[in-house]
Amino acid sequence: MNASRRKTSAALVVTLCAAASQAHACGEVMLRALGTMRYHAFVTRNPATILLYSDDPAGNAKRPAATDPRLHDNLEKVGHKVGMARGANELGHALAGNRYDVIVAYADDMRAVTDEIAKATPEPKLIPVLDNASNEREMRERYPRLVTGNFKDLLKAIEQAMTA
């Protein structure tokens, strides 16, 4: 009877081990099912005061305005304080009334207001966004922080500007 009992116990252990390999911890099934869906939130380590500038006060149909409210909202979500200026007059008032760490605008728009920006004390760091690939080489020489990519590239450029 002792040998029969050992065989039964061994069979029970093998059965339990086989069943346990199919068992999942609480929530593990959900994590496996959603394994490809990861939340990549970004919160800045160096919050900046950012001015979004657009040279065209009325907005241009050919390209989205640098002062797009969605861009404003997304920058605030990651922890930055954001202001907007449309046209040279608003830019002058904004720079006279507030201190900005970074100015983000299309590279072509920054050319016209470089002198105005240089008057600001302390002078903000410029992060131009390239919207026309034909003059990328010239713009890279003029602006070392030129951004050509997406929103993540802009966030990286802002972080680099703030740590520099």
N, C-alpha and C. Protein backbone atom coordinates (compact mmCIF):
# COMPACT_ATOMS: atom_id res chain seq x y z
N MET A 1 0.81 -1.18 0.00
CA MET A 1 0.00 0.00 0.00
C MET A 1 0.86 1.26 0.00
N ASN A 2 2.00 1.16 0.59
CA ASN A 2 2.92 2.29 0.68
C ASN A 2 3.39 2.71 -0.71
N ALA A 3 3.69 1.74 -1.58
CA ALA A 3 4.12 2.04 -2.94
C ALA A 3 2.98 2.65 -3.75
N SER A 4 1.76 2.16 -3.52
CA SER A 4 0.60 2.70 -4.21
C SER A 4 0.35 4.15 -3.81
N ARG A 5 0.57 4.42 -2.55
CA ARG A 5 0.37 5.78 -2.06
C ARG A 5 1.41 6.73 -2.66
N ARG A 6 2.65 6.27 -2.80
CA ARG A 6 3.71 7.09 -3.41
C ARG A 6 3.39 7.40 -4.87
N LYS A 7 2.88 6.40 -5.59
CA LYS A 7 2.53 6.61 -6.99
C LYS A 7 1.40 7.63 -7.12
N THR A 8 0.43 7.52 -6.23
CA THR A 8 -0.69 8.46 -6.25
C THR A 8 -0.21 9.87 -5.94
N SER A 9 0.66 9.99 -4.96
CA SER A 9 1.21 11.31 -4.59
C SER A 9 2.03 11.90 -5.72
N ALA A 10 2.84 11.06 -6.37
CA ALA A 10 3.67 11.53 -7.48
C ALA A 10 2.79 11.98 -8.64
N ALA A 11 1.73 11.23 -8.92
CA ALA A 11 0.81 11.60 -10.00
C ALA A 11 0.10 12.91 -9.67
N LEU A 12 -0.27 13.09 -8.41
CA LEU A 12 -0.92 14.32 -7.97
C LEU A 12 0.02 15.52 -8.10
N VAL A 13 1.29 15.35 -7.72
CA VAL A 13 2.27 16.43 -7.83
C VAL A 13 2.48 16.81 -9.29
N VAL A 14 2.61 15.84 -10.18
CA VAL A 14 2.81 16.11 -11.60
C VAL A 14 1.60 16.84 -12.17
N THR A 15 0.40 16.42 -11.79
CA THR A 15 -0.82 17.07 -12.26
C THR A 15 -0.91 18.51 -11.77
N LEU A 16 -0.59 18.76 -10.50
CA LEU A 16 -0.61 20.11 -9.95
C LEU A 16 0.42 21.01 -10.63
N CYS A 17 1.60 20.47 -10.87
CA CYS A 17 2.64 21.27 -11.55
C CYS A 17 2.22 21.64 -12.97
N ALA A 18 1.61 20.70 -13.66
CA ALA A 18 1.15 20.99 -15.02
C ALA A 18 0.04 22.03 -15.01
N ALA A 19 -0.86 21.95 -14.04
CA ALA A 19 -1.94 22.92 -13.95
C ALA A 19 -1.42 24.29 -13.52
N ALA A 20 -0.41 24.31 -12.66
CA ALA A 20 0.14 25.58 -12.16
C ALA A 20 0.84 26.35 -13.26
N SER A 21 1.38 25.67 -14.25
CA SER A 21 2.06 26.40 -15.33
C SER A 21 1.07 27.21 -16.17
N GLN A 22 -0.20 26.83 -16.12
CA GLN A 22 -1.22 27.57 -16.85
C GLN A 22 -1.89 28.64 -16.01
N ALA A 23 -1.64 28.67 -14.72
CA ALA A 23 -2.26 29.65 -13.82
C ALA A 23 -1.59 31.01 -14.00
N HIS A 24 -2.34 32.07 -13.76
CA HIS A 24 -1.83 33.44 -13.89
C HIS A 24 -2.11 34.20 -12.61
N ALA A 25 -1.23 35.09 -12.30
CA ALA A 25 -1.45 35.94 -11.14
C ALA A 25 -2.54 36.96 -11.47
N CYS A 26 -3.09 37.53 -10.44
CA CYS A 26 -4.16 38.50 -10.61
C CYS A 26 -3.68 39.68 -11.47
N GLY A 27 -4.32 39.92 -12.56
CA GLY A 27 -3.97 41.04 -13.44
C GLY A 27 -2.93 40.70 -14.48
N GLU A 28 -2.28 39.57 -14.36
CA GLU A 28 -1.23 39.22 -15.31
C GLU A 28 -1.79 39.04 -16.72
N VAL A 29 -2.97 38.47 -16.82
CA VAL A 29 -3.59 38.26 -18.12
C VAL A 29 -3.82 39.61 -18.81
N MET A 30 -4.28 40.59 -18.04
CA MET A 30 -4.53 41.91 -18.61
C MET A 30 -3.22 42.55 -19.09
N LEU A 31 -2.17 42.40 -18.30
CA LEU A 31 -0.89 42.97 -18.70
C LEU A 31 -0.36 42.32 -19.97
N ARG A 32 -0.55 41.01 -20.08
CA ARG A 32 -0.11 40.33 -21.30
C ARG A 32 -0.92 40.79 -22.50
N ALA A 33 -2.20 40.96 -22.33
CA ALA A 33 -3.06 41.38 -23.43
C ALA A 33 -2.74 42.79 -23.87
N LEU A 34 -2.38 43.65 -22.94
CA LEU A 34 -2.09 45.04 -23.25
C LEU A 34 -0.59 45.30 -23.34
N GLY A 35 0.19 44.27 -23.51
CA GLY A 35 1.65 44.42 -23.50
C GLY A 35 2.17 45.40 -24.53
N THR A 36 1.50 45.52 -25.65
CA THR A 36 1.99 46.44 -26.68
C THR A 36 1.53 47.87 -26.42
N MET A 37 0.56 48.05 -25.54
CA MET A 37 0.05 49.39 -25.26
C MET A 37 0.72 49.91 -24.00
N ARG A 38 1.74 50.69 -24.15
CA ARG A 38 2.45 51.23 -23.01
C ARG A 38 2.19 52.73 -22.94
N TYR A 39 2.10 53.24 -21.75
CA TYR A 39 1.86 54.67 -21.56
C TYR A 39 3.20 55.36 -21.41
N HIS A 40 3.51 56.22 -22.36
CA HIS A 40 4.78 56.94 -22.34
C HIS A 40 4.52 58.40 -22.01
N ALA A 41 4.30 58.68 -20.78
CA ALA A 41 4.08 60.07 -20.37
C ALA A 41 5.44 60.73 -20.16
N PHE A 42 5.51 61.98 -20.46
CA PHE A 42 6.73 62.73 -20.26
C PHE A 42 6.40 63.92 -19.39
N VAL A 43 7.14 64.05 -18.32
CA VAL A 43 7.03 65.21 -17.47
C VAL A 43 8.42 65.81 -17.39
N THR A 44 8.51 67.09 -17.67
CA THR A 44 9.81 67.74 -17.74
C THR A 44 10.50 67.79 -16.39
N ARG A 45 11.80 67.68 -16.42
CA ARG A 45 12.62 67.84 -15.21
C ARG A 45 13.00 69.30 -15.04
N ASN A 46 12.99 70.04 -16.13
CA ASN A 46 13.39 71.44 -16.13
C ASN A 46 12.28 72.29 -16.74
N PRO A 47 11.30 72.68 -15.95
CA PRO A 47 10.21 73.48 -16.51
C PRO A 47 10.73 74.81 -17.06
N ALA A 48 10.22 75.17 -18.20
CA ALA A 48 10.65 76.41 -18.87
C ALA A 48 9.44 77.31 -19.08
N THR A 49 9.73 78.59 -19.20
CA THR A 49 8.72 79.56 -19.61
C THR A 49 8.92 79.74 -21.11
N ILE A 50 7.94 79.31 -21.89
CA ILE A 50 8.09 79.24 -23.34
C ILE A 50 7.15 80.24 -24.00
N LEU A 51 7.66 80.90 -25.03
CA LEU A 51 6.84 81.78 -25.86
C LEU A 51 6.73 81.14 -27.24
N LEU A 52 5.50 80.87 -27.65
CA LEU A 52 5.24 80.37 -29.00
C LEU A 52 4.99 81.58 -29.88
N TYR A 53 5.75 81.69 -30.95
CA TYR A 53 5.63 82.88 -31.80
C TYR A 53 5.26 82.48 -33.22
N SER A 54 4.37 83.27 -33.82
CA SER A 54 4.01 83.11 -35.22
C SER A 54 4.03 84.49 -35.85
N ASP A 55 4.70 84.60 -37.00
CA ASP A 55 4.84 85.87 -37.69
C ASP A 55 3.53 86.32 -38.33
N ASP A 56 2.69 85.37 -38.69
CA ASP A 56 1.44 85.66 -39.39
C ASP A 56 0.30 85.80 -38.40
N PRO A 57 -0.15 87.03 -38.10
CA PRO A 57 -1.20 87.21 -37.10
C PRO A 57 -2.52 86.53 -37.46
N ALA A 58 -2.83 86.42 -38.73
CA ALA A 58 -4.12 85.86 -39.14
C ALA A 58 -4.08 84.35 -39.26
N GLY A 59 -2.91 83.74 -39.25
CA GLY A 59 -2.80 82.30 -39.45
C GLY A 59 -2.64 81.99 -40.94
N ASN A 60 -1.82 81.04 -41.25
CA ASN A 60 -1.51 80.70 -42.63
C ASN A 60 -2.09 79.33 -42.93
N ALA A 61 -2.83 79.22 -44.01
CA ALA A 61 -3.47 77.95 -44.36
C ALA A 61 -2.45 76.92 -44.84
N LYS A 62 -1.27 77.36 -45.31
CA LYS A 62 -0.28 76.43 -45.83
C LYS A 62 0.42 75.63 -44.74
N ARG A 63 0.51 76.17 -43.56
CA ARG A 63 1.17 75.47 -42.46
C ARG A 63 0.45 75.76 -41.15
N PRO A 64 0.52 74.84 -40.21
CA PRO A 64 -0.13 75.11 -38.92
C PRO A 64 0.64 76.20 -38.17
N ALA A 65 -0.06 77.02 -37.47
CA ALA A 65 0.57 78.11 -36.74
C ALA A 65 1.37 77.56 -35.57
N ALA A 66 2.50 78.20 -35.31
CA ALA A 66 3.30 77.82 -34.14
C ALA A 66 2.54 78.13 -32.87
N THR A 67 1.52 78.98 -32.99
CA THR A 67 0.72 79.33 -31.82
C THR A 67 -0.55 78.48 -31.73
N ASP A 68 -0.52 77.29 -32.30
CA ASP A 68 -1.66 76.38 -32.26
C ASP A 68 -2.00 76.05 -30.80
N PRO A 69 -3.26 76.20 -30.41
CA PRO A 69 -3.64 75.92 -29.02
C PRO A 69 -3.33 74.49 -28.57
N ARG A 70 -3.33 73.53 -29.49
CA ARG A 70 -3.01 72.15 -29.11
C ARG A 70 -1.55 72.04 -28.67
N LEU A 71 -0.65 72.74 -29.38
CA LEU A 71 0.75 72.75 -29.00
C LEU A 71 0.90 73.40 -27.62
N HIS A 72 0.20 74.50 -27.42
CA HIS A 72 0.20 75.20 -26.14
C HIS A 72 -0.23 74.25 -25.02
N ASP A 73 -1.33 73.54 -25.21
CA ASP A 73 -1.87 72.63 -24.20
C ASP A 73 -0.91 71.47 -23.92
N ASN A 74 -0.33 70.90 -24.97
CA ASN A 74 0.58 69.77 -24.80
C ASN A 74 1.85 70.18 -24.05
N LEU A 75 2.36 71.37 -24.33
CA LEU A 75 3.54 71.84 -23.61
C LEU A 75 3.21 72.09 -22.14
N GLU A 76 2.02 72.57 -21.85
CA GLU A 76 1.63 72.77 -20.46
C GLU A 76 1.42 71.44 -19.74
N LYS A 77 0.95 70.43 -20.45
CA LYS A 77 0.75 69.12 -19.84
C LYS A 77 2.06 68.51 -19.35
N VAL A 78 3.16 68.78 -20.04
CA VAL A 78 4.44 68.22 -19.61
C VAL A 78 5.13 69.07 -18.55
N GLY A 79 4.56 70.24 -18.23
CA GLY A 79 5.08 71.01 -17.11
C GLY A 79 5.64 72.38 -17.42
N HIS A 80 5.55 72.83 -18.67
CA HIS A 80 6.08 74.14 -19.04
C HIS A 80 5.00 75.22 -18.88
N LYS A 81 5.44 76.45 -18.70
CA LYS A 81 4.52 77.60 -18.73
C LYS A 81 4.64 78.19 -20.12
N VAL A 82 3.50 78.42 -20.76
CA VAL A 82 3.51 78.78 -22.17
C VAL A 82 2.73 80.06 -22.41
N GLY A 83 3.32 80.94 -23.22
CA GLY A 83 2.66 82.14 -23.69
C GLY A 83 2.67 82.13 -25.21
N MET A 84 1.83 82.96 -25.82
CA MET A 84 1.75 83.00 -27.28
C MET A 84 1.82 84.44 -27.75
N ALA A 85 2.43 84.61 -28.92
CA ALA A 85 2.49 85.93 -29.54
C ALA A 85 2.33 85.75 -31.04
N ARG A 86 1.48 86.59 -31.63
CA ARG A 86 1.27 86.58 -33.08
C ARG A 86 1.66 87.95 -33.61
N GLY A 87 2.65 87.96 -34.45
CA GLY A 87 3.10 89.20 -35.05
C GLY A 87 4.16 89.89 -34.19
N ALA A 88 4.88 90.80 -34.83
CA ALA A 88 6.00 91.48 -34.18
C ALA A 88 5.55 92.36 -33.02
N ASN A 89 4.38 93.00 -33.13
CA ASN A 89 3.90 93.86 -32.04
C ASN A 89 3.64 93.05 -30.77
N GLU A 90 2.94 91.94 -30.90
CA GLU A 90 2.68 91.10 -29.73
C GLU A 90 3.97 90.55 -29.15
N LEU A 91 4.92 90.22 -30.03
CA LEU A 91 6.21 89.71 -29.55
C LEU A 91 6.92 90.75 -28.70
N GLY A 92 6.95 91.99 -29.17
CA GLY A 92 7.58 93.06 -28.42
C GLY A 92 6.94 93.26 -27.05
N HIS A 93 5.62 93.25 -27.01
CA HIS A 93 4.90 93.40 -25.73
C HIS A 93 5.17 92.22 -24.81
N ALA A 94 5.18 91.02 -25.37
CA ALA A 94 5.40 89.83 -24.55
C ALA A 94 6.80 89.82 -23.95
N LEU A 95 7.80 90.17 -24.76
CA LEU A 95 9.18 90.18 -24.26
C LEU A 95 9.41 91.31 -23.26
N ALA A 96 8.72 92.43 -23.44
CA ALA A 96 8.86 93.55 -22.50
C ALA A 96 8.18 93.25 -21.17
N GLY A 97 7.08 92.49 -21.21
CA GLY A 97 6.32 92.26 -20.00
C GLY A 97 6.71 91.02 -19.21
N ASN A 98 7.35 90.06 -19.83
CA ASN A 98 7.67 88.79 -19.17
C ASN A 98 9.08 88.33 -19.52
N ARG A 99 9.57 87.41 -18.71
CA ARG A 99 10.87 86.79 -18.98
C ARG A 99 10.60 85.39 -19.53
N TYR A 100 11.15 85.09 -20.69
CA TYR A 100 10.97 83.79 -21.31
C TYR A 100 12.32 83.08 -21.41
N ASP A 101 12.29 81.77 -21.13
CA ASP A 101 13.51 80.97 -21.25
C ASP A 101 13.73 80.53 -22.69
N VAL A 102 12.63 80.23 -23.39
CA VAL A 102 12.70 79.65 -24.73
C VAL A 102 11.65 80.30 -25.62
N ILE A 103 12.03 80.52 -26.88
CA ILE A 103 11.07 80.96 -27.89
C ILE A 103 11.03 79.88 -28.97
N VAL A 104 9.83 79.41 -29.27
CA VAL A 104 9.62 78.40 -30.31
C VAL A 104 8.84 79.04 -31.44
N ALA A 105 9.37 78.93 -32.66
CA ALA A 105 8.70 79.47 -33.84
C ALA A 105 9.26 78.79 -35.07
N TYR A 106 8.59 78.99 -36.18
CA TYR A 106 9.16 78.51 -37.43
C TYR A 106 10.44 79.27 -37.73
N ALA A 107 11.41 78.59 -38.32
CA ALA A 107 12.71 79.19 -38.58
C ALA A 107 12.59 80.44 -39.46
N ASP A 108 11.72 80.40 -40.44
CA ASP A 108 11.54 81.57 -41.32
C ASP A 108 10.98 82.76 -40.54
N ASP A 109 10.13 82.50 -39.56
CA ASP A 109 9.56 83.58 -38.76
C ASP A 109 10.59 84.21 -37.84
N MET A 110 11.56 83.44 -37.40
CA MET A 110 12.57 83.96 -36.47
C MET A 110 13.53 84.93 -37.13
N ARG A 111 13.75 84.76 -38.40
CA ARG A 111 14.67 85.66 -39.11
C ARG A 111 14.26 87.12 -38.96
N ALA A 112 12.96 87.38 -39.09
CA ALA A 112 12.46 88.74 -39.09
C ALA A 112 12.53 89.40 -37.72
N VAL A 113 12.54 88.62 -36.65
CA VAL A 113 12.48 89.20 -35.31
C VAL A 113 13.73 88.93 -34.46
N THR A 114 14.81 88.53 -35.08
CA THR A 114 16.03 88.23 -34.33
C THR A 114 16.51 89.44 -33.54
N ASP A 115 16.45 90.63 -34.13
CA ASP A 115 16.88 91.83 -33.42
C ASP A 115 15.99 92.11 -32.21
N GLU A 116 14.70 91.91 -32.37
CA GLU A 116 13.76 92.13 -31.28
C GLU A 116 14.04 91.16 -30.12
N ILE A 117 14.33 89.91 -30.47
CA ILE A 117 14.61 88.89 -29.46
C ILE A 117 15.92 89.20 -28.74
N ALA A 118 16.91 89.71 -29.46
CA ALA A 118 18.21 90.02 -28.87
C ALA A 118 18.12 91.13 -27.82
N LYS A 119 17.09 91.97 -27.90
CA LYS A 119 16.90 93.05 -26.93
C LYS A 119 16.41 92.54 -25.58
N ALA A 120 15.81 91.35 -25.55
CA ALA A 120 15.26 90.81 -24.31
C ALA A 120 16.38 90.49 -23.33
N THR A 121 16.12 90.76 -22.04
CA THR A 121 17.12 90.50 -21.02
C THR A 121 16.51 89.59 -19.97
N PRO A 122 17.06 88.44 -19.69
CA PRO A 122 18.11 87.76 -20.43
C PRO A 122 17.56 87.23 -21.75
N GLU A 123 18.47 87.07 -22.68
CA GLU A 123 18.05 86.65 -24.02
C GLU A 123 17.56 85.19 -23.99
N PRO A 124 16.34 84.95 -24.47
CA PRO A 124 15.82 83.58 -24.47
C PRO A 124 16.54 82.71 -25.50
N LYS A 125 16.50 81.42 -25.26
CA LYS A 125 17.09 80.46 -26.21
C LYS A 125 16.08 80.25 -27.33
N LEU A 126 16.56 80.18 -28.54
CA LEU A 126 15.69 80.02 -29.71
C LEU A 126 15.64 78.56 -30.13
N ILE A 127 14.42 78.08 -30.34
CA ILE A 127 14.23 76.74 -30.88
C ILE A 127 13.35 76.88 -32.11
N PRO A 128 13.99 76.99 -33.27
CA PRO A 128 13.21 77.10 -34.50
C PRO A 128 12.73 75.74 -34.99
N VAL A 129 11.57 75.73 -35.59
CA VAL A 129 10.99 74.53 -36.19
C VAL A 129 11.06 74.70 -37.69
N LEU A 130 11.65 73.72 -38.35
CA LEU A 130 11.81 73.78 -39.80
C LEU A 130 10.54 73.29 -40.47
N ASP A 131 9.97 74.13 -41.33
CA ASP A 131 8.77 73.71 -42.07
C ASP A 131 9.03 73.58 -43.55
N ASN A 132 10.22 73.98 -44.00
CA ASN A 132 10.56 73.91 -45.41
C ASN A 132 11.92 73.25 -45.54
N ALA A 133 11.95 72.02 -46.04
CA ALA A 133 13.18 71.24 -46.10
C ALA A 133 14.19 71.80 -47.11
N SER A 134 13.76 72.68 -47.99
CA SER A 134 14.67 73.18 -49.02
C SER A 134 15.80 74.04 -48.44
N ASN A 135 15.57 74.70 -47.30
CA ASN A 135 16.61 75.53 -46.72
C ASN A 135 17.13 74.97 -45.40
N GLU A 136 17.09 73.67 -45.23
CA GLU A 136 17.50 73.05 -43.97
C GLU A 136 18.97 73.29 -43.67
N ARG A 137 19.83 73.18 -44.65
CA ARG A 137 21.27 73.35 -44.42
C ARG A 137 21.58 74.76 -43.90
N GLU A 138 21.01 75.75 -44.54
CA GLU A 138 21.23 77.14 -44.13
C GLU A 138 20.70 77.37 -42.71
N MET A 139 19.54 76.83 -42.42
CA MET A 139 18.94 77.01 -41.10
C MET A 139 19.73 76.29 -40.01
N ARG A 140 20.28 75.13 -40.32
CA ARG A 140 21.09 74.40 -39.34
C ARG A 140 22.35 75.19 -38.98
N GLU A 141 22.93 75.87 -39.97
CA GLU A 141 24.10 76.69 -39.69
C GLU A 141 23.74 77.89 -38.82
N ARG A 142 22.59 78.45 -39.05
CA ARG A 142 22.18 79.65 -38.33
C ARG A 142 21.63 79.33 -36.93
N TYR A 143 20.87 78.24 -36.82
CA TYR A 143 20.23 77.86 -35.55
C TYR A 143 20.66 76.45 -35.16
N PRO A 144 21.49 76.32 -34.16
CA PRO A 144 21.97 74.98 -33.78
C PRO A 144 20.89 74.08 -33.17
N ARG A 145 19.84 74.65 -32.62
CA ARG A 145 18.78 73.85 -31.99
C ARG A 145 17.59 73.61 -32.93
N LEU A 146 17.81 73.62 -34.20
CA LEU A 146 16.74 73.45 -35.18
C LEU A 146 16.03 72.11 -34.99
N VAL A 147 14.72 72.15 -34.97
CA VAL A 147 13.90 70.95 -34.79
C VAL A 147 13.20 70.67 -36.11
N THR A 148 13.35 69.44 -36.60
CA THR A 148 12.69 69.07 -37.85
C THR A 148 11.67 67.96 -37.64
N GLY A 149 11.67 67.36 -36.48
CA GLY A 149 10.83 66.19 -36.23
C GLY A 149 9.49 66.51 -35.62
N ASN A 150 9.08 65.65 -34.73
CA ASN A 150 7.76 65.73 -34.13
C ASN A 150 7.81 66.39 -32.75
N PHE A 151 6.74 66.25 -32.00
CA PHE A 151 6.61 66.88 -30.69
C PHE A 151 7.67 66.37 -29.71
N LYS A 152 8.00 65.08 -29.79
CA LYS A 152 9.03 64.53 -28.90
C LYS A 152 10.38 65.18 -29.16
N ASP A 153 10.68 65.46 -30.43
CA ASP A 153 11.93 66.14 -30.75
C ASP A 153 11.95 67.56 -30.18
N LEU A 154 10.82 68.22 -30.22
CA LEU A 154 10.71 69.56 -29.64
C LEU A 154 10.94 69.50 -28.14
N LEU A 155 10.35 68.53 -27.46
CA LEU A 155 10.54 68.38 -26.02
C LEU A 155 11.99 68.12 -25.68
N LYS A 156 12.66 67.29 -26.48
CA LYS A 156 14.08 67.03 -26.25
C LYS A 156 14.91 68.29 -26.42
N ALA A 157 14.60 69.07 -27.43
CA ALA A 157 15.33 70.32 -27.67
C ALA A 157 15.12 71.30 -26.52
N ILE A 158 13.92 71.36 -25.99
CA ILE A 158 13.64 72.26 -24.86
C ILE A 158 14.41 71.80 -23.63
N GLU A 159 14.42 70.49 -23.38
CA GLU A 159 15.17 69.95 -22.23
C GLU A 159 16.66 70.27 -22.37
N GLN A 160 17.20 70.09 -23.58
CA GLN A 160 18.62 70.37 -23.81
C GLN A 160 18.92 71.85 -23.62
N ALA A 161 18.02 72.69 -24.08
CA ALA A 161 18.22 74.14 -23.92
C ALA A 161 18.20 74.54 -22.46
N MET A 162 17.35 73.91 -21.69
CA MET A 162 17.23 74.27 -20.27
C MET A 162 18.39 73.73 -19.44
N THR A 163 18.98 72.62 -19.84
CA THR A 163 20.12 72.08 -19.09
C THR A 163 21.43 72.73 -19.50
N ALA A 164 21.44 73.38 -20.65
CA ALA A 164 22.68 74.02 -21.13
C ALA A 164 22.97 75.29 -20.35
